[in-house]
């Protein structure tokens, strides 16, 4: 397995930060009143919200594909080595049981 470290350029962090910024701006617009805002600022906010939605959908789809691929790979490994899989599952269960019992 790979160890994944989160970096500043992680797409999920970028999308989340963009959405937080957009939500803050949208709340400000609602407080100030949308009628008082210029049409350009409102149009810019709408376009930014749309691009954030598109990025979030793309990120969701990419993540979904990775999860499905990982599940399929795990299924293939378990089917190829059923007894080893059972032994590993039993060992993990015994360890967890011992840890829980100690607590």
PDB file of N, CA and C in Angstrom:
ATOM      1  N   UNK A   1       0.828  -1.177   0.000  1.00  0.00           N
ATOM      2  CA  UNK A   1       0.000   0.000   0.000  1.00  0.00           C
ATOM      3  C   UNK A   1       0.874   1.242   0.000  1.00  0.00           C
ATOM      4  N   UNK A   2       0.351   2.269  -0.600  1.00  0.00           N
ATOM      5  CA  UNK A   2       1.060   3.538  -0.639  1.00  0.00           C
ATOM      6  C   UNK A   2       0.650   4.383   0.553  1.00  0.00           C
ATOM      7  N   UNK A   3       1.614   5.077   1.111  1.00  0.00           N
ATOM      8  CA  UNK A   3       1.299   6.072   2.127  1.00  0.00           C
ATOM      9  C   UNK A   3       1.052   7.378   1.403  1.00  0.00           C
ATOM     10  N   UNK A   4      -0.090   7.974   1.662  1.00  0.00           N
ATOM     11  CA  UNK A   4      -0.446   9.205   0.966  1.00  0.00           C
ATOM     12  C   UNK A   4      -0.306  10.369   1.926  1.00  0.00           C
ATOM     13  N   UNK A   5       0.463  11.331   1.522  1.00  0.00           N
ATOM     14  CA  UNK A   5       0.594  12.527   2.326  1.00  0.00           C
ATOM     15  C   UNK A   5      -0.168  13.645   1.650  1.00  0.00           C
ATOM     16  N   UNK A   6      -0.816  14.438   2.449  1.00  0.00           N
ATOM     17  CA  UNK A   6      -1.590  15.549   1.921  1.00  0.00           C
ATOM     18  C   UNK A   6      -0.665  16.735   1.719  1.00  0.00           C
ATOM     19  N   UNK A   7      -0.709  17.295   0.534  1.00  0.00           N
ATOM     20  CA  UNK A   7       0.112  18.460   0.241  1.00  0.00           C
ATOM     21  C   UNK A   7      -0.787  19.661   0.008  1.00  0.00           C
ATOM     22  N   UNK A   8      -0.155  20.811  -0.109  1.00  0.00           N
ATOM     23  CA  UNK A   8      -0.917  22.046  -0.322  1.00  0.00           C
ATOM     24  C   UNK A   8      -1.587  22.050  -1.685  1.00  0.00           C
ATOM     25  N   UNK A   9      -1.090  21.247  -2.620  1.00  0.00           N
ATOM     26  CA  UNK A   9      -1.653  21.223  -3.959  1.00  0.00           C
ATOM     27  C   UNK A   9      -2.662  20.097  -4.128  1.00  0.00           C
ATOM     28  N   UNK A  10      -3.092  19.498  -3.041  1.00  0.00           N
ATOM     29  CA  UNK A  10      -4.072  18.425  -3.098  1.00  0.00           C
ATOM     30  C   UNK A  10      -5.371  18.985  -3.670  1.00  0.00           C
ATOM     31  N   UNK A  11      -5.915  18.360  -4.723  1.00  0.00           N
ATOM     32  CA  UNK A  11      -7.111  18.919  -5.359  1.00  0.00           C
ATOM     33  C   UNK A  11      -8.306  18.995  -4.418  1.00  0.00           C
ATOM     34  N   UNK A  12      -8.443  18.052  -3.500  1.00  0.00           N
ATOM     35  CA  UNK A  12      -9.585  18.113  -2.585  1.00  0.00           C
ATOM     36  C   UNK A  12      -9.480  19.323  -1.670  1.00  0.00           C
ATOM     37  N   UNK A  13      -8.278  19.620  -1.176  1.00  0.00           N
ATOM     38  CA  UNK A  13      -8.099  20.796  -0.325  1.00  0.00           C
ATOM     39  C   UNK A  13      -8.385  22.073  -1.099  1.00  0.00           C
ATOM     40  N   UNK A  14      -7.951  22.114  -2.351  1.00  0.00           N
ATOM     41  CA  UNK A  14      -8.172  23.292  -3.177  1.00  0.00           C
ATOM     42  C   UNK A  14      -9.660  23.513  -3.417  1.00  0.00           C
ATOM     43  N   UNK A  15     -10.377  22.448  -3.743  1.00  0.00           N
ATOM     44  CA  UNK A  15     -11.819  22.570  -3.998  1.00  0.00           C
ATOM     45  C   UNK A  15     -12.540  22.989  -2.729  1.00  0.00           C
ATOM     46  N   UNK A  16     -12.177  22.387  -1.603  1.00  0.00           N
ATOM     47  CA  UNK A  16     -12.834  22.735  -0.346  1.00  0.00           C
ATOM     48  C   UNK A  16     -12.581  24.190   0.012  1.00  0.00           C
ATOM     49  N   UNK A  17     -11.338  24.637  -0.144  1.00  0.00           N
ATOM     50  CA  UNK A  17     -11.013  26.029   0.163  1.00  0.00           C
ATOM     51  C   UNK A  17     -11.764  26.985  -0.760  1.00  0.00           C
ATOM     52  N   UNK A  18     -11.848  26.647  -2.053  1.00  0.00           N
ATOM     53  CA  UNK A  18     -12.599  27.487  -2.999  1.00  0.00           C
ATOM     54  C   UNK A  18     -14.073  27.551  -2.627  1.00  0.00           C
ATOM     55  N   UNK A  19     -14.640  26.417  -2.233  1.00  0.00           N
ATOM     56  CA  UNK A  19     -16.049  26.404  -1.851  1.00  0.00           C
ATOM     57  C   UNK A  19     -16.288  27.237  -0.597  1.00  0.00           C
ATOM     58  N   UNK A  20     -15.371  27.159   0.369  1.00  0.00           N
ATOM     59  CA  UNK A  20     -15.514  27.983   1.574  1.00  0.00           C
ATOM     60  C   UNK A  20     -15.487  29.468   1.228  1.00  0.00           C
ATOM     61  N   UNK A  21     -14.565  29.847   0.340  1.00  0.00           N
ATOM     62  CA  UNK A  21     -14.474  31.242  -0.075  1.00  0.00           C
ATOM     63  C   UNK A  21     -15.753  31.684  -0.765  1.00  0.00           C
ATOM     64  N   UNK A  22     -16.249  30.844  -1.656  1.00  0.00           N
ATOM     65  CA  UNK A  22     -17.465  31.185  -2.388  1.00  0.00           C
ATOM     66  C   UNK A  22     -18.668  31.286  -1.459  1.00  0.00           C
ATOM     67  N   UNK A  23     -18.750  30.395  -0.483  1.00  0.00           N
ATOM     68  CA  UNK A  23     -19.862  30.455   0.465  1.00  0.00           C
ATOM     69  C   UNK A  23     -19.797  31.749   1.269  1.00  0.00           C
ATOM     70  N   UNK A  24     -18.589  32.126   1.665  1.00  0.00           N
ATOM     71  CA  UNK A  24     -18.431  33.388   2.385  1.00  0.00           C
ATOM     72  C   UNK A  24     -18.878  34.572   1.554  1.00  0.00           C
ATOM     73  N   UNK A  25     -18.497  34.580   0.286  1.00  0.00           N
ATOM     74  CA  UNK A  25     -18.910  35.669  -0.603  1.00  0.00           C
ATOM     75  C   UNK A  25     -20.414  35.664  -0.819  1.00  0.00           C
ATOM     76  N   UNK A  26     -20.995  34.480  -0.949  1.00  0.00           N
ATOM     77  CA  UNK A  26     -22.442  34.390  -1.149  1.00  0.00           C
ATOM     78  C   UNK A  26     -23.183  34.895   0.086  1.00  0.00           C
ATOM     79  N   UNK A  27     -22.676  34.557   1.277  1.00  0.00           N
ATOM     80  CA  UNK A  27     -23.303  35.059   2.501  1.00  0.00           C
ATOM     81  C   UNK A  27     -23.209  36.581   2.577  1.00  0.00           C
ATOM     82  N   UNK A  28     -22.081  37.126   2.141  1.00  0.00           N
ATOM     83  CA  UNK A  28     -21.915  38.578   2.145  1.00  0.00           C
ATOM     84  C   UNK A  28     -22.922  39.234   1.203  1.00  0.00           C
ATOM     85  N   UNK A  29     -23.113  38.632   0.041  1.00  0.00           N
ATOM     86  CA  UNK A  29     -24.070  39.171  -0.929  1.00  0.00           C
ATOM     87  C   UNK A  29     -25.476  39.139  -0.348  1.00  0.00           C
ATOM     88  N   UNK A  30     -25.815  38.038   0.322  1.00  0.00           N
ATOM     89  CA  UNK A  30     -27.140  37.943   0.909  1.00  0.00           C
ATOM     90  C   UNK A  30     -27.342  38.983   2.007  1.00  0.00           C
ATOM     91  N   UNK A  31     -26.287  39.255   2.776  1.00  0.00           N
ATOM     92  CA  UNK A  31     -26.399  40.254   3.833  1.00  0.00           C
ATOM     93  C   UNK A  31     -26.504  41.664   3.254  1.00  0.00           C
ATOM     94  N   UNK A  32     -25.717  41.945   2.226  1.00  0.00           N
ATOM     95  CA  UNK A  32     -25.716  43.277   1.630  1.00  0.00           C
ATOM     96  C   UNK A  32     -26.928  43.511   0.743  1.00  0.00           C
ATOM     97  N   UNK A  33     -27.506  42.440   0.277  1.00  0.00           N
ATOM     98  CA  UNK A  33     -28.646  42.561  -0.614  1.00  0.00           C
ATOM     99  C   UNK A  33     -28.195  42.419  -2.050  1.00  0.00           C
ATOM    100  N   UNK A  34     -28.751  41.462  -2.754  1.00  0.00           N
ATOM    101  CA  UNK A  34     -28.347  41.186  -4.128  1.00  0.00           C
ATOM    102  C   UNK A  34     -28.693  42.331  -5.070  1.00  0.00           C
ATOM    103  N   UNK A  35     -29.697  43.114  -4.729  1.00  0.00           N
ATOM    104  CA  UNK A  35     -30.102  44.203  -5.616  1.00  0.00           C
ATOM    105  C   UNK A  35     -29.070  45.321  -5.635  1.00  0.00           C
ATOM    106  N   UNK A  36     -28.351  45.470  -4.532  1.00  0.00           N
ATOM    107  CA  UNK A  36     -27.355  46.527  -4.457  1.00  0.00           C
ATOM    108  C   UNK A  36     -26.057  46.143  -5.162  1.00  0.00           C
ATOM    109  N   UNK A  37     -25.848  44.868  -5.383  1.00  0.00           N
ATOM    110  CA  UNK A  37     -24.624  44.397  -6.046  1.00  0.00           C
ATOM    111  C   UNK A  37     -24.655  44.761  -7.525  1.00  0.00           C
ATOM    112  N   UNK A  38     -23.499  44.969  -8.048  1.00  0.00           N
ATOM    113  CA  UNK A  38     -23.390  45.216  -9.479  1.00  0.00           C
ATOM    114  C   UNK A  38     -23.643  43.914 -10.218  1.00  0.00           C
ATOM    115  N   UNK A  39     -24.120  44.027 -11.427  1.00  0.00           N
ATOM    116  CA  UNK A  39     -24.384  42.848 -12.240  1.00  0.00           C
ATOM    117  C   UNK A  39     -23.129  42.062 -12.543  1.00  0.00           C
ATOM    118  N   UNK A  40     -21.999  42.762 -12.707  1.00  0.00           N
ATOM    119  CA  UNK A  40     -20.741  42.075 -13.011  1.00  0.00           C
ATOM    120  C   UNK A  40     -20.284  41.218 -11.843  1.00  0.00           C
ATOM    121  N   UNK A  41     -20.390  41.735 -10.641  1.00  0.00           N
ATOM    122  CA  UNK A  41     -19.959  40.981  -9.463  1.00  0.00           C
ATOM    123  C   UNK A  41     -20.833  39.758  -9.271  1.00  0.00           C
ATOM    124  N   UNK A  42     -22.117  39.899  -9.495  1.00  0.00           N
ATOM    125  CA  UNK A  42     -23.030  38.774  -9.363  1.00  0.00           C
ATOM    126  C   UNK A  42     -22.758  37.732 -10.441  1.00  0.00           C
ATOM    127  N   UNK A  43     -22.490  38.175 -11.658  1.00  0.00           N
ATOM    128  CA  UNK A  43     -22.179  37.247 -12.744  1.00  0.00           C
ATOM    129  C   UNK A  43     -20.864  36.520 -12.479  1.00  0.00           C
ATOM    130  N   UNK A  44     -19.887  37.248 -11.922  1.00  0.00           N
ATOM    131  CA  UNK A  44     -18.606  36.618 -11.601  1.00  0.00           C
ATOM    132  C   UNK A  44     -18.793  35.558 -10.524  1.00  0.00           C
ATOM    133  N   UNK A  45     -19.588  35.854  -9.520  1.00  0.00           N
ATOM    134  CA  UNK A  45     -19.847  34.891  -8.457  1.00  0.00           C
ATOM    135  C   UNK A  45     -20.540  33.651  -9.008  1.00  0.00           C
ATOM    136  N   UNK A  46     -21.502  33.863  -9.893  1.00  0.00           N
ATOM    137  CA  UNK A  46     -22.196  32.727 -10.504  1.00  0.00           C
ATOM    138  C   UNK A  46     -21.237  31.859 -11.311  1.00  0.00           C
ATOM    139  N   UNK A  47     -20.351  32.488 -12.084  1.00  0.00           N
ATOM    140  CA  UNK A  47     -19.409  31.710 -12.893  1.00  0.00           C
ATOM    141  C   UNK A  47     -18.425  30.955 -11.995  1.00  0.00           C
ATOM    142  N   UNK A  48     -18.002  31.579 -10.888  1.00  0.00           N
ATOM    143  CA  UNK A  48     -17.099  30.898  -9.967  1.00  0.00           C
ATOM    144  C   UNK A  48     -17.791  29.731  -9.281  1.00  0.00           C
ATOM    145  N   UNK A  49     -19.057  29.921  -8.908  1.00  0.00           N
ATOM    146  CA  UNK A  49     -19.812  28.816  -8.311  1.00  0.00           C
ATOM    147  C   UNK A  49     -19.972  27.664  -9.300  1.00  0.00           C
ATOM    148  N   UNK A  50     -20.233  27.995 -10.547  1.00  0.00           N
ATOM    149  CA  UNK A  50     -20.388  26.959 -11.575  1.00  0.00           C
ATOM    150  C   UNK A  50     -19.087  26.208 -11.786  1.00  0.00           C
ATOM    151  N   UNK A  51     -17.953  26.926 -11.848  1.00  0.00           N
ATOM    152  CA  UNK A  51     -16.671  26.239 -12.043  1.00  0.00           C
ATOM    153  C   UNK A  51     -16.327  25.384 -10.829  1.00  0.00           C
ATOM    154  N   UNK A  52     -16.668  25.857  -9.624  1.00  0.00           N
ATOM    155  CA  UNK A  52     -16.429  25.048  -8.425  1.00  0.00           C
ATOM    156  C   UNK A  52     -17.291  23.797  -8.438  1.00  0.00           C
ATOM    157  N   UNK A  53     -18.527  23.923  -8.905  1.00  0.00           N
ATOM    158  CA  UNK A  53     -19.416  22.756  -9.004  1.00  0.00           C
ATOM    159  C   UNK A  53     -18.856  21.736  -9.977  1.00  0.00           C
ATOM    160  N   UNK A  54     -18.355  22.221 -11.112  1.00  0.00           N
ATOM    161  CA  UNK A  54     -17.788  21.324 -12.126  1.00  0.00           C
ATOM    162  C   UNK A  54     -16.557  20.606 -11.569  1.00  0.00           C
ATOM    163  N   UNK A  55     -15.692  21.347 -10.868  1.00  0.00           N
ATOM    164  CA  UNK A  55     -14.498  20.722 -10.277  1.00  0.00           C
ATOM    165  C   UNK A  55     -14.875  19.704  -9.211  1.00  0.00           C
ATOM    166  N   UNK A  56     -15.886  20.029  -8.398  1.00  0.00           N
ATOM    167  CA  UNK A  56     -16.324  19.105  -7.352  1.00  0.00           C
ATOM    168  C   UNK A  56     -16.894  17.829  -7.970  1.00  0.00           C
ATOM    169  N   UNK A  57     -17.659  17.970  -9.044  1.00  0.00           N
ATOM    170  CA  UNK A  57     -18.200  16.788  -9.722  1.00  0.00           C
ATOM    171  C   UNK A  57     -17.086  15.929 -10.301  1.00  0.00           C
ATOM    172  N   UNK A  58     -16.085  16.574 -10.905  1.00  0.00           N
ATOM    173  CA  UNK A  58     -14.962  15.834 -11.472  1.00  0.00           C
ATOM    174  C   UNK A  58     -14.179  15.119 -10.370  1.00  0.00           C
ATOM    175  N   UNK A  59     -13.972  15.783  -9.264  1.00  0.00           N
ATOM    176  CA  UNK A  59     -13.262  15.186  -8.141  1.00  0.00           C
ATOM    177  C   UNK A  59     -14.048  14.006  -7.575  1.00  0.00           C
ATOM    178  N   UNK A  60     -15.356  14.158  -7.448  1.00  0.00           N
ATOM    179  CA  UNK A  60     -16.212  13.078  -6.977  1.00  0.00           C
ATOM    180  C   UNK A  60     -16.122  11.876  -7.910  1.00  0.00           C
ATOM    181  N   UNK A  61     -16.209  12.121  -9.196  1.00  0.00           N
ATOM    182  CA  UNK A  61     -16.165  11.023 -10.175  1.00  0.00           C
ATOM    183  C   UNK A  61     -14.821  10.301 -10.131  1.00  0.00           C
ATOM    184  N   UNK A  62     -13.739  11.066 -10.031  1.00  0.00           N
ATOM    185  CA  UNK A  62     -12.405  10.474  -9.952  1.00  0.00           C
ATOM    186  C   UNK A  62     -12.261   9.621  -8.697  1.00  0.00           C
ATOM    187  N   UNK A  63     -12.736  10.134  -7.575  1.00  0.00           N
ATOM    188  CA  UNK A  63     -12.668   9.394  -6.312  1.00  0.00           C
ATOM    189  C   UNK A  63     -13.518   8.138  -6.375  1.00  0.00           C
ATOM    190  N   UNK A  64     -14.699   8.243  -6.964  1.00  0.00           N
ATOM    191  CA  UNK A  64     -15.573   7.073  -7.087  1.00  0.00           C
ATOM    192  C   UNK A  64     -14.909   5.978  -7.912  1.00  0.00           C
ATOM    193  N   UNK A  65     -14.259   6.367  -9.008  1.00  0.00           N
ATOM    194  CA  UNK A  65     -13.572   5.386  -9.850  1.00  0.00           C
ATOM    195  C   UNK A  65     -12.440   4.706  -9.094  1.00  0.00           C
ATOM    196  N   UNK A  66     -11.695   5.479  -8.288  1.00  0.00           N
ATOM    197  CA  UNK A  66     -10.594   4.901  -7.511  1.00  0.00           C
ATOM    198  C   UNK A  66     -11.108   3.924  -6.462  1.00  0.00           C
ATOM    199  N   UNK A  67     -12.214   4.262  -5.814  1.00  0.00           N
ATOM    200  CA  UNK A  67     -12.781   3.378  -4.799  1.00  0.00           C
ATOM    201  C   UNK A  67     -13.276   2.084  -5.433  1.00  0.00           C
ATOM    202  N   UNK A  68     -13.946   2.182  -6.561  1.00  0.00           N
ATOM    203  CA  UNK A  68     -14.446   0.992  -7.244  1.00  0.00           C
ATOM    204  C   UNK A  68     -13.276   0.111  -7.702  1.00  0.00           C
ATOM    205  N   UNK A  69     -12.228   0.741  -8.244  1.00  0.00           N
ATOM    206  CA  UNK A  69     -11.059  -0.024  -8.682  1.00  0.00           C
ATOM    207  C   UNK A  69     -10.382  -0.723  -7.502  1.00  0.00           C
ATOM    208  N   UNK A  70     -10.290  -0.044  -6.364  1.00  0.00           N
ATOM    209  CA  UNK A  70      -9.697  -0.651  -5.172  1.00  0.00           C
ATOM    210  C   UNK A  70     -10.524  -1.818  -4.662  1.00  0.00           C
ATOM    211  N   UNK A  71     -11.846  -1.675  -4.681  1.00  0.00           N
ATOM    212  CA  UNK A  71     -12.719  -2.760  -4.244  1.00  0.00           C
ATOM    213  C   UNK A  71     -12.609  -3.957  -5.177  1.00  0.00           C
ATOM    214  N   UNK A  72     -12.514  -3.699  -6.478  1.00  0.00           N
ATOM    215  CA  UNK A  72     -12.365  -4.797  -7.429  1.00  0.00           C
ATOM    216  C   UNK A  72     -11.027  -5.507  -7.237  1.00  0.00           C
ATOM    217  N   UNK A  73      -9.985  -4.746  -6.988  1.00  0.00           N
ATOM    218  CA  UNK A  73      -8.672  -5.345  -6.770  1.00  0.00           C
ATOM    219  C   UNK A  73      -8.678  -6.190  -5.496  1.00  0.00           C
ATOM    220  N   UNK A  74      -9.293  -5.674  -4.438  1.00  0.00           N
ATOM    221  CA  UNK A  74      -9.384  -6.442  -3.190  1.00  0.00           C
ATOM    222  C   UNK A  74     -10.183  -7.720  -3.410  1.00  0.00           C
ATOM    223  N   UNK A  75     -11.272  -7.635  -4.165  1.00  0.00           N
ATOM    224  CA  UNK A  75     -12.086  -8.812  -4.456  1.00  0.00           C
ATOM    225  C   UNK A  75     -11.275  -9.863  -5.220  1.00  0.00           C
ATOM    226  N   UNK A  76     -10.489  -9.418  -6.195  1.00  0.00           N
ATOM    227  CA  UNK A  76      -9.663 -10.345  -6.962  1.00  0.00           C
ATOM    228  C   UNK A  76      -8.624 -11.035  -6.075  1.00  0.00           C
ATOM    229  N   UNK A  77      -7.993 -10.267  -5.185  1.00  0.00           N
ATOM    230  CA  UNK A  77      -6.984 -10.839  -4.288  1.00  0.00           C
ATOM    231  C   UNK A  77      -7.611 -11.852  -3.340  1.00  0.00           C
ATOM    232  N   UNK A  78      -8.776 -11.525  -2.806  1.00  0.00           N
ATOM    233  CA  UNK A  78      -9.451 -12.441  -1.880  1.00  0.00           C
ATOM    234  C   UNK A  78      -9.860 -13.714  -2.596  1.00  0.00           C
ATOM    235  N   UNK A  79     -10.355 -13.588  -3.821  1.00  0.00           N
ATOM    236  CA  UNK A  79     -10.752 -14.779  -4.580  1.00  0.00           C
ATOM    237  C   UNK A  79      -9.541 -15.624  -4.984  1.00  0.00           C
ATOM    238  N   UNK A  80      -8.400 -14.982  -5.226  1.00  0.00           N
ATOM    239  CA  UNK A  80      -7.193 -15.716  -5.607  1.00  0.00           C
ATOM    240  C   UNK A  80      -6.567 -16.432  -4.407  1.00  0.00           C
ATOM    241  N   UNK A  81      -6.722 -15.872  -3.214  1.00  0.00           N
ATOM    242  CA  UNK A  81      -6.108 -16.439  -2.012  1.00  0.00           C
ATOM    243  C   UNK A  81      -7.127 -16.472  -0.871  1.00  0.00           C
ATOM    244  N   UNK A  82      -8.134 -17.357  -0.968  1.00  0.00           N
ATOM    245  CA  UNK A  82      -9.202 -17.331   0.042  1.00  0.00           C
ATOM    246  C   UNK A  82      -8.745 -17.740   1.445  1.00  0.00           C
ATOM    247  N   UNK A  83      -7.900 -18.758   1.557  1.00  0.00           N
ATOM    248  CA  UNK A  83      -7.498 -19.224   2.881  1.00  0.00           C
ATOM    249  C   UNK A  83      -6.574 -18.223   3.571  1.00  0.00           C
ATOM    250  N   UNK A  84      -5.687 -17.630   2.785  1.00  0.00           N
ATOM    251  CA  UNK A  84      -4.813 -16.603   3.359  1.00  0.00           C
ATOM    252  C   UNK A  84      -5.634 -15.403   3.837  1.00  0.00           C
ATOM    253  N   UNK A  85      -6.662 -15.046   3.059  1.00  0.00           N
ATOM    254  CA  UNK A  85      -7.529 -13.929   3.425  1.00  0.00           C
ATOM    255  C   UNK A  85      -8.261 -14.212   4.729  1.00  0.00           C
ATOM    256  N   UNK A  86      -8.751 -15.444   4.871  1.00  0.00           N
ATOM    257  CA  UNK A  86      -9.430 -15.814   6.113  1.00  0.00           C
ATOM    258  C   UNK A  86      -8.473 -15.777   7.296  1.00  0.00           C
ATOM    259  N   UNK A  87      -7.253 -16.256   7.101  1.00  0.00           N
ATOM    260  CA  UNK A  87      -6.266 -16.250   8.183  1.00  0.00           C
ATOM    261  C   UNK A  87      -5.927 -14.818   8.600  1.00  0.00           C
ATOM    262  N   UNK A  88      -5.769 -13.946   7.634  1.00  0.00           N
ATOM    263  CA  UNK A  88      -5.462 -12.545   7.946  1.00  0.00           C
ATOM    264  C   UNK A  88      -6.635 -11.908   8.685  1.00  0.00           C
ATOM    265  N   UNK A  89      -7.853 -12.150   8.217  1.00  0.00           N
ATOM    266  CA  UNK A  89      -9.032 -11.582   8.864  1.00  0.00           C
ATOM    267  C   UNK A  89      -9.166 -12.099  10.295  1.00  0.00           C
ATOM    268  N   UNK A  90      -8.893 -13.379  10.497  1.00  0.00           N
ATOM    269  CA  UNK A  90      -8.968 -13.943  11.840  1.00  0.00           C
ATOM    270  C   UNK A  90      -7.893 -13.331  12.739  1.00  0.00           C
ATOM    271  N   UNK A  91      -6.678 -13.160  12.202  1.00  0.00           N
ATOM    272  CA  UNK A  91      -5.597 -12.560  12.982  1.00  0.00           C
ATOM    273  C   UNK A  91      -5.914 -11.137  13.388  1.00  0.00           C
ATOM    274  N   UNK A  92      -6.448 -10.364  12.470  1.00  0.00           N
ATOM    275  CA  UNK A  92      -6.831  -8.984  12.785  1.00  0.00           C
ATOM    276  C   UNK A  92      -7.934  -8.979  13.840  1.00  0.00           C
ATOM    277  N   UNK A  93      -8.895  -9.890  13.719  1.00  0.00           N
ATOM    278  CA  UNK A  93      -9.978  -9.977  14.703  1.00  0.00           C
ATOM    279  C   UNK A  93      -9.464 -10.319  16.086  1.00  0.00           C
ATOM    280  N   UNK A  94      -8.505 -11.256  16.161  1.00  0.00           N
ATOM    281  CA  UNK A  94      -7.929 -11.639  17.450  1.00  0.00           C
ATOM    282  C   UNK A  94      -7.178 -10.462  18.062  1.00  0.00           C
ATOM    283  N   UNK A  95      -6.393  -9.750  17.245  1.00  0.00           N
ATOM    284  CA  UNK A  95      -5.656  -8.595  17.757  1.00  0.00           C
ATOM    285  C   UNK A  95      -6.595  -7.505  18.261  1.00  0.00           C
ATOM    286  N   UNK A  96      -7.615  -7.199  17.481  1.00  0.00           N
ATOM    287  CA  UNK A  96      -8.578  -6.179  17.911  1.00  0.00           C
ATOM    288  C   UNK A  96      -9.304  -6.610  19.186  1.00  0.00           C
ATOM    289  N   UNK A  97      -9.675  -7.878  19.248  1.00  0.00           N
ATOM    290  CA  UNK A  97     -10.334  -8.386  20.450  1.00  0.00           C
ATOM    291  C   UNK A  97      -9.442  -8.265  21.672  1.00  0.00           C
ATOM    292  N   UNK A  98      -8.147  -8.580  21.507  1.00  0.00           N
ATOM    293  CA  UNK A  98      -7.202  -8.477  22.623  1.00  0.00           C
ATOM    294  C   UNK A  98      -7.033  -7.020  23.048  1.00  0.00           C
ATOM    295  N   UNK A  99      -6.955  -6.120  22.082  1.00  0.00           N
ATOM    296  CA  UNK A  99      -6.810  -4.692  22.404  1.00  0.00           C
ATOM    297  C   UNK A  99      -8.050  -4.149  23.102  1.00  0.00           C
ATOM    298  N   UNK A 100      -9.200  -4.534  22.648  1.00  0.00           N
ATOM    299  CA  UNK A 100     -10.455  -4.061  23.247  1.00  0.00           C
ATOM    300  C   UNK A 100     -10.612  -4.638  24.651  1.00  0.00           C
ATOM    301  N   UNK A 101     -10.238  -5.871  24.823  1.00  0.00           N
ATOM    302  CA  UNK A 101     -10.367  -6.514  26.129  1.00  0.00           C
ATOM    303  C   UNK A 101      -9.486  -5.851  27.166  1.00  0.00           C
ATOM    304  N   UNK A 102      -8.307  -5.378  26.752  1.00  0.00           N
ATOM    305  CA  UNK A 102      -7.386  -4.716  27.664  1.00  0.00           C
ATOM    306  C   UNK A 102      -7.922  -3.371  28.130  1.00  0.00           C
ATOM    307  N   UNK A 103      -8.678  -2.712  27.294  1.00  0.00           N
ATOM    308  CA  UNK A 103      -9.129  -1.342  27.605  1.00  0.00           C
ATOM    309  C   UNK A 103     -10.109  -1.288  28.727  1.00  0.00           C
TER     310      UNK A 103
END
